[in-house]
Amino acid sequence: MQLILGSLIGLVGGVLSGLFGIGGGLVIVPALILLVGMTPKQAAGTSLAALLLPVGILGALEYWRAGQVDVRMAILVAAGLLVGAFIGARLAVGLPNELLQRAFGVLLLLVGLRLALIVS
């Protein structure tokens, strides 16, 4: 059952990633916490490990073919992710699971409210 659930979480995360450019933090991490029973740290680590593989290559290629990829910005974002993921992981490992989960929930609420209420 865990294998099927993990595959479905990845599939949904991949579809949403292709649609909206999201996946790890907004879909995979909460799903691993709520559906699989992982701690926030386990879920974040598992999500990052899944992203090590070139999982976004086909979606990115499709957007690139349509002229919708700013390669320079993607490189800058990737560099920031490289350093930021290390810093974030170092911080998260030292925090209590409950605090990390609540902080993540607040972040999701704030982002959701911003996207739902403020149209640019």
N, C-alpha and C. Protein backbone atom coordinates (compact mmCIF):
# COMPACT_ATOMS: atom_id res chain seq x y z
N MET A 1 0.83 -1.20 0.00
CA MET A 1 0.00 0.00 0.00
C MET A 1 0.87 1.26 0.00
N GLN A 2 1.97 1.23 0.77
CA GLN A 2 2.87 2.40 0.83
C GLN A 2 3.42 2.73 -0.56
N LEU A 3 3.75 1.69 -1.34
CA LEU A 3 4.30 1.92 -2.68
C LEU A 3 3.28 2.58 -3.59
N ILE A 4 2.05 2.14 -3.52
CA ILE A 4 0.98 2.73 -4.34
C ILE A 4 0.74 4.16 -3.91
N LEU A 5 0.65 4.38 -2.60
CA LEU A 5 0.41 5.72 -2.07
C LEU A 5 1.55 6.66 -2.46
N GLY A 6 2.78 6.21 -2.32
CA GLY A 6 3.92 7.03 -2.71
C GLY A 6 3.89 7.38 -4.18
N SER A 7 3.54 6.41 -5.02
CA SER A 7 3.46 6.66 -6.46
C SER A 7 2.35 7.65 -6.79
N LEU A 8 1.21 7.52 -6.12
CA LEU A 8 0.10 8.46 -6.36
C LEU A 8 0.44 9.87 -5.90
N ILE A 9 1.12 9.98 -4.76
CA ILE A 9 1.56 11.29 -4.29
C ILE A 9 2.50 11.92 -5.32
N GLY A 10 3.43 11.13 -5.83
CA GLY A 10 4.34 11.63 -6.85
C GLY A 10 3.62 12.02 -8.13
N LEU A 11 2.63 11.23 -8.54
CA LEU A 11 1.87 11.52 -9.75
C LEU A 11 1.10 12.83 -9.61
N VAL A 12 0.39 12.99 -8.50
CA VAL A 12 -0.37 14.23 -8.27
C VAL A 12 0.58 15.42 -8.17
N GLY A 13 1.69 15.23 -7.44
CA GLY A 13 2.68 16.30 -7.35
C GLY A 13 3.24 16.67 -8.71
N GLY A 14 3.47 15.66 -9.55
CA GLY A 14 4.00 15.92 -10.89
C GLY A 14 3.01 16.66 -11.77
N VAL A 15 1.74 16.26 -11.72
CA VAL A 15 0.71 16.93 -12.52
C VAL A 15 0.58 18.39 -12.07
N LEU A 16 0.51 18.60 -10.75
CA LEU A 16 0.39 19.98 -10.25
C LEU A 16 1.65 20.79 -10.53
N SER A 17 2.80 20.13 -10.48
CA SER A 17 4.05 20.80 -10.81
C SER A 17 4.04 21.25 -12.26
N GLY A 18 3.58 20.38 -13.13
CA GLY A 18 3.48 20.74 -14.54
C GLY A 18 2.48 21.85 -14.80
N LEU A 19 1.40 21.85 -14.05
CA LEU A 19 0.37 22.88 -14.22
C LEU A 19 0.76 24.22 -13.62
N PHE A 20 1.26 24.17 -12.39
CA PHE A 20 1.47 25.41 -11.63
C PHE A 20 2.91 25.67 -11.22
N GLY A 21 3.81 24.74 -11.50
CA GLY A 21 5.20 24.91 -11.07
C GLY A 21 5.39 24.61 -9.59
N ILE A 22 4.46 23.85 -9.01
CA ILE A 22 4.56 23.48 -7.59
C ILE A 22 4.67 21.98 -7.49
N GLY A 23 4.90 21.47 -6.36
CA GLY A 23 4.96 20.02 -6.19
C GLY A 23 5.46 19.64 -4.82
N GLY A 24 6.74 19.89 -4.56
CA GLY A 24 7.37 19.46 -3.32
C GLY A 24 6.72 20.02 -2.08
N GLY A 25 6.83 21.30 -1.89
CA GLY A 25 6.38 21.92 -0.65
C GLY A 25 4.89 21.99 -0.47
N LEU A 26 4.16 22.20 -1.55
CA LEU A 26 2.72 22.39 -1.41
C LEU A 26 1.91 21.12 -1.57
N VAL A 27 2.49 20.09 -2.14
CA VAL A 27 1.72 18.87 -2.37
C VAL A 27 2.38 17.67 -1.70
N ILE A 28 3.62 17.42 -2.04
CA ILE A 28 4.27 16.18 -1.59
C ILE A 28 4.50 16.18 -0.09
N VAL A 29 5.02 17.25 0.46
CA VAL A 29 5.30 17.29 1.90
C VAL A 29 4.02 17.13 2.72
N PRO A 30 2.95 17.91 2.46
CA PRO A 30 1.73 17.69 3.25
C PRO A 30 1.15 16.28 3.05
N ALA A 31 1.21 15.76 1.84
CA ALA A 31 0.67 14.42 1.59
C ALA A 31 1.45 13.36 2.37
N LEU A 32 2.76 13.49 2.40
CA LEU A 32 3.57 12.52 3.16
C LEU A 32 3.28 12.61 4.65
N ILE A 33 3.02 13.81 5.15
CA ILE A 33 2.69 13.98 6.57
C ILE A 33 1.30 13.42 6.87
N LEU A 34 0.30 13.83 6.07
CA LEU A 34 -1.08 13.50 6.37
C LEU A 34 -1.48 12.09 5.94
N LEU A 35 -0.96 11.61 4.83
CA LEU A 35 -1.39 10.31 4.30
C LEU A 35 -0.46 9.15 4.67
N VAL A 36 0.83 9.44 4.76
CA VAL A 36 1.80 8.38 5.03
C VAL A 36 2.20 8.35 6.50
N GLY A 37 2.01 9.48 7.20
CA GLY A 37 2.33 9.53 8.62
C GLY A 37 3.76 9.90 8.93
N MET A 38 4.44 10.52 7.98
CA MET A 38 5.82 10.96 8.22
C MET A 38 5.85 12.18 9.10
N THR A 39 6.97 12.41 9.76
CA THR A 39 7.18 13.66 10.48
C THR A 39 7.48 14.73 9.43
N PRO A 40 7.34 16.01 9.78
CA PRO A 40 7.68 17.06 8.83
C PRO A 40 9.12 16.95 8.31
N LYS A 41 10.03 16.56 9.18
CA LYS A 41 11.42 16.43 8.75
C LYS A 41 11.59 15.28 7.76
N GLN A 42 10.95 14.15 8.04
CA GLN A 42 11.02 13.01 7.11
C GLN A 42 10.40 13.38 5.76
N ALA A 43 9.27 14.08 5.81
CA ALA A 43 8.58 14.45 4.58
C ALA A 43 9.42 15.42 3.75
N ALA A 44 10.02 16.41 4.40
CA ALA A 44 10.86 17.38 3.67
C ALA A 44 12.08 16.69 3.09
N GLY A 45 12.71 15.84 3.87
CA GLY A 45 13.88 15.12 3.37
C GLY A 45 13.54 14.19 2.22
N THR A 46 12.41 13.50 2.32
CA THR A 46 11.98 12.59 1.25
C THR A 46 11.65 13.37 -0.02
N SER A 47 10.97 14.50 0.14
CA SER A 47 10.64 15.33 -1.02
C SER A 47 11.90 15.83 -1.71
N LEU A 48 12.86 16.30 -0.94
CA LEU A 48 14.12 16.77 -1.53
C LEU A 48 14.86 15.64 -2.21
N ALA A 49 14.85 14.46 -1.62
CA ALA A 49 15.52 13.31 -2.23
C ALA A 49 14.87 12.96 -3.56
N ALA A 50 13.54 13.04 -3.63
CA ALA A 50 12.84 12.75 -4.88
C ALA A 50 13.22 13.77 -5.96
N LEU A 51 13.48 14.99 -5.56
CA LEU A 51 13.82 16.04 -6.53
C LEU A 51 15.25 15.93 -7.04
N LEU A 52 16.06 15.08 -6.42
CA LEU A 52 17.43 14.90 -6.89
C LEU A 52 17.46 14.35 -8.31
N LEU A 53 16.50 13.51 -8.62
CA LEU A 53 16.43 12.97 -9.97
C LEU A 53 15.87 14.06 -10.89
N PRO A 54 16.13 13.96 -12.18
CA PRO A 54 15.63 15.00 -13.09
C PRO A 54 14.13 14.85 -13.37
N VAL A 55 13.32 14.92 -12.31
CA VAL A 55 11.89 14.67 -12.43
C VAL A 55 11.15 15.73 -13.24
N GLY A 56 11.66 16.92 -13.29
CA GLY A 56 10.96 17.99 -14.00
C GLY A 56 11.41 18.18 -15.43
N ILE A 57 12.31 17.35 -15.93
CA ILE A 57 12.92 17.60 -17.23
C ILE A 57 11.90 17.61 -18.37
N LEU A 58 10.97 16.67 -18.39
CA LEU A 58 10.01 16.61 -19.49
C LEU A 58 9.05 17.81 -19.47
N GLY A 59 8.60 18.17 -18.28
CA GLY A 59 7.73 19.35 -18.17
C GLY A 59 8.46 20.62 -18.54
N ALA A 60 9.69 20.77 -18.05
CA ALA A 60 10.49 21.96 -18.37
C ALA A 60 10.77 22.03 -19.86
N LEU A 61 11.05 20.89 -20.48
CA LEU A 61 11.31 20.85 -21.92
C LEU A 61 10.09 21.32 -22.71
N GLU A 62 8.92 20.90 -22.28
CA GLU A 62 7.69 21.30 -22.95
C GLU A 62 7.47 22.82 -22.84
N TYR A 63 7.71 23.37 -21.64
CA TYR A 63 7.59 24.82 -21.47
C TYR A 63 8.67 25.54 -22.28
N TRP A 64 9.88 24.99 -22.34
CA TRP A 64 10.96 25.61 -23.11
C TRP A 64 10.62 25.65 -24.59
N ARG A 65 10.07 24.55 -25.11
CA ARG A 65 9.66 24.49 -26.52
C ARG A 65 8.62 25.57 -26.84
N ALA A 66 7.80 25.91 -25.86
CA ALA A 66 6.77 26.93 -26.05
C ALA A 66 7.30 28.33 -25.77
N GLY A 67 8.60 28.44 -25.48
CA GLY A 67 9.20 29.74 -25.21
C GLY A 67 8.85 30.31 -23.85
N GLN A 68 8.55 29.45 -22.91
CA GLN A 68 8.09 29.90 -21.60
C GLN A 68 9.09 29.65 -20.48
N VAL A 69 10.37 29.53 -20.81
CA VAL A 69 11.39 29.32 -19.79
C VAL A 69 12.46 30.40 -19.92
N ASP A 70 12.71 31.09 -18.83
CA ASP A 70 13.81 32.05 -18.75
C ASP A 70 15.00 31.29 -18.17
N VAL A 71 15.89 30.85 -19.06
CA VAL A 71 16.99 29.97 -18.66
C VAL A 71 17.90 30.64 -17.64
N ARG A 72 18.22 31.92 -17.85
CA ARG A 72 19.08 32.62 -16.88
C ARG A 72 18.45 32.66 -15.50
N MET A 73 17.15 32.96 -15.44
CA MET A 73 16.46 33.00 -14.15
C MET A 73 16.40 31.61 -13.53
N ALA A 74 16.19 30.57 -14.36
CA ALA A 74 16.15 29.21 -13.85
C ALA A 74 17.48 28.82 -13.21
N ILE A 75 18.57 29.23 -13.83
CA ILE A 75 19.89 28.94 -13.28
C ILE A 75 20.08 29.66 -11.94
N LEU A 76 19.66 30.91 -11.88
CA LEU A 76 19.77 31.67 -10.63
C LEU A 76 18.91 31.05 -9.53
N VAL A 77 17.69 30.66 -9.88
CA VAL A 77 16.80 30.03 -8.90
C VAL A 77 17.40 28.71 -8.43
N ALA A 78 17.95 27.93 -9.36
CA ALA A 78 18.56 26.65 -9.00
C ALA A 78 19.74 26.85 -8.04
N ALA A 79 20.53 27.88 -8.30
CA ALA A 79 21.66 28.16 -7.41
C ALA A 79 21.15 28.53 -6.01
N GLY A 80 20.10 29.34 -5.98
CA GLY A 80 19.50 29.71 -4.70
C GLY A 80 18.91 28.50 -3.99
N LEU A 81 18.27 27.61 -4.75
CA LEU A 81 17.73 26.38 -4.17
C LEU A 81 18.82 25.50 -3.60
N LEU A 82 19.92 25.43 -4.29
CA LEU A 82 21.04 24.61 -3.83
C LEU A 82 21.50 25.05 -2.45
N VAL A 83 21.75 26.34 -2.30
CA VAL A 83 22.22 26.87 -1.03
C VAL A 83 21.09 26.90 0.00
N GLY A 84 19.90 27.34 -0.45
CA GLY A 84 18.77 27.46 0.46
C GLY A 84 18.30 26.14 1.03
N ALA A 85 18.31 25.09 0.22
CA ALA A 85 17.89 23.77 0.71
C ALA A 85 18.84 23.28 1.80
N PHE A 86 20.12 23.55 1.63
CA PHE A 86 21.10 23.17 2.65
C PHE A 86 20.84 23.93 3.95
N ILE A 87 20.67 25.25 3.84
CA ILE A 87 20.42 26.07 5.03
C ILE A 87 19.12 25.67 5.70
N GLY A 88 18.05 25.50 4.90
CA GLY A 88 16.76 25.12 5.44
C GLY A 88 16.79 23.77 6.14
N ALA A 89 17.50 22.82 5.54
CA ALA A 89 17.61 21.49 6.15
C ALA A 89 18.36 21.56 7.47
N ARG A 90 19.43 22.34 7.49
CA ARG A 90 20.19 22.49 8.75
C ARG A 90 19.31 23.09 9.84
N LEU A 91 18.50 24.08 9.49
CA LEU A 91 17.60 24.70 10.47
C LEU A 91 16.52 23.71 10.91
N ALA A 92 15.90 23.02 9.97
CA ALA A 92 14.77 22.14 10.27
C ALA A 92 15.16 20.98 11.16
N VAL A 93 16.34 20.44 10.96
CA VAL A 93 16.78 19.29 11.75
C VAL A 93 16.83 19.62 13.24
N GLY A 94 17.08 20.87 13.57
CA GLY A 94 17.18 21.26 14.97
C GLY A 94 15.88 21.70 15.60
N LEU A 95 14.81 21.78 14.82
CA LEU A 95 13.52 22.24 15.36
C LEU A 95 12.64 21.07 15.77
N PRO A 96 11.78 21.28 16.77
CA PRO A 96 10.81 20.23 17.13
C PRO A 96 9.81 20.01 15.99
N ASN A 97 9.38 18.77 15.79
CA ASN A 97 8.44 18.45 14.71
C ASN A 97 7.16 19.28 14.78
N GLU A 98 6.63 19.46 15.99
CA GLU A 98 5.37 20.20 16.16
C GLU A 98 5.52 21.64 15.68
N LEU A 99 6.62 22.28 16.06
CA LEU A 99 6.86 23.67 15.65
C LEU A 99 7.01 23.75 14.13
N LEU A 100 7.74 22.84 13.56
CA LEU A 100 7.95 22.83 12.12
C LEU A 100 6.63 22.63 11.38
N GLN A 101 5.81 21.71 11.85
CA GLN A 101 4.53 21.46 11.19
C GLN A 101 3.61 22.66 11.30
N ARG A 102 3.56 23.30 12.46
CA ARG A 102 2.70 24.48 12.62
C ARG A 102 3.19 25.64 11.76
N ALA A 103 4.49 25.85 11.73
CA ALA A 103 5.05 26.93 10.90
C ALA A 103 4.74 26.69 9.43
N PHE A 104 4.83 25.45 8.99
CA PHE A 104 4.52 25.11 7.61
C PHE A 104 3.05 25.36 7.31
N GLY A 105 2.18 25.01 8.24
CA GLY A 105 0.75 25.26 8.06
C GLY A 105 0.45 26.74 7.95
N VAL A 106 1.09 27.56 8.76
CA VAL A 106 0.90 29.01 8.69
C VAL A 106 1.39 29.54 7.34
N LEU A 107 2.53 29.05 6.88
CA LEU A 107 3.04 29.47 5.57
C LEU A 107 2.04 29.13 4.46
N LEU A 108 1.49 27.92 4.49
CA LEU A 108 0.51 27.52 3.47
C LEU A 108 -0.73 28.41 3.52
N LEU A 109 -1.20 28.73 4.72
CA LEU A 109 -2.36 29.61 4.86
C LEU A 109 -2.08 31.00 4.28
N LEU A 110 -0.92 31.55 4.62
CA LEU A 110 -0.57 32.88 4.13
C LEU A 110 -0.44 32.90 2.60
N VAL A 111 0.20 31.90 2.05
CA VAL A 111 0.35 31.84 0.60
C VAL A 111 -1.02 31.66 -0.06
N GLY A 112 -1.84 30.77 0.52
CA GLY A 112 -3.17 30.55 -0.03
C GLY A 112 -4.03 31.80 0.00
N LEU A 113 -4.00 32.51 1.11
CA LEU A 113 -4.76 33.76 1.21
C LEU A 113 -4.28 34.80 0.21
N ARG A 114 -2.98 34.90 0.09
CA ARG A 114 -2.40 35.86 -0.87
C ARG A 114 -2.84 35.55 -2.29
N LEU A 115 -2.79 34.28 -2.66
CA LEU A 115 -3.18 33.89 -4.02
C LEU A 115 -4.69 34.03 -4.24
N ALA A 116 -5.49 33.73 -3.22
CA ALA A 116 -6.94 33.76 -3.37
C ALA A 116 -7.52 35.18 -3.32
N LEU A 117 -6.91 36.06 -2.54
CA LEU A 117 -7.50 37.36 -2.29
C LEU A 117 -6.90 38.52 -3.06
N ILE A 118 -5.69 38.39 -3.49
CA ILE A 118 -5.01 39.51 -4.14
C ILE A 118 -4.75 39.15 -5.60
N VAL A 119 -5.45 39.83 -6.48
CA VAL A 119 -5.28 39.59 -7.90
C VAL A 119 -4.39 40.70 -8.45
N SER A 120 -3.31 40.27 -9.11
CA SER A 120 -2.40 41.29 -9.65
C SER A 120 -2.67 41.57 -11.10
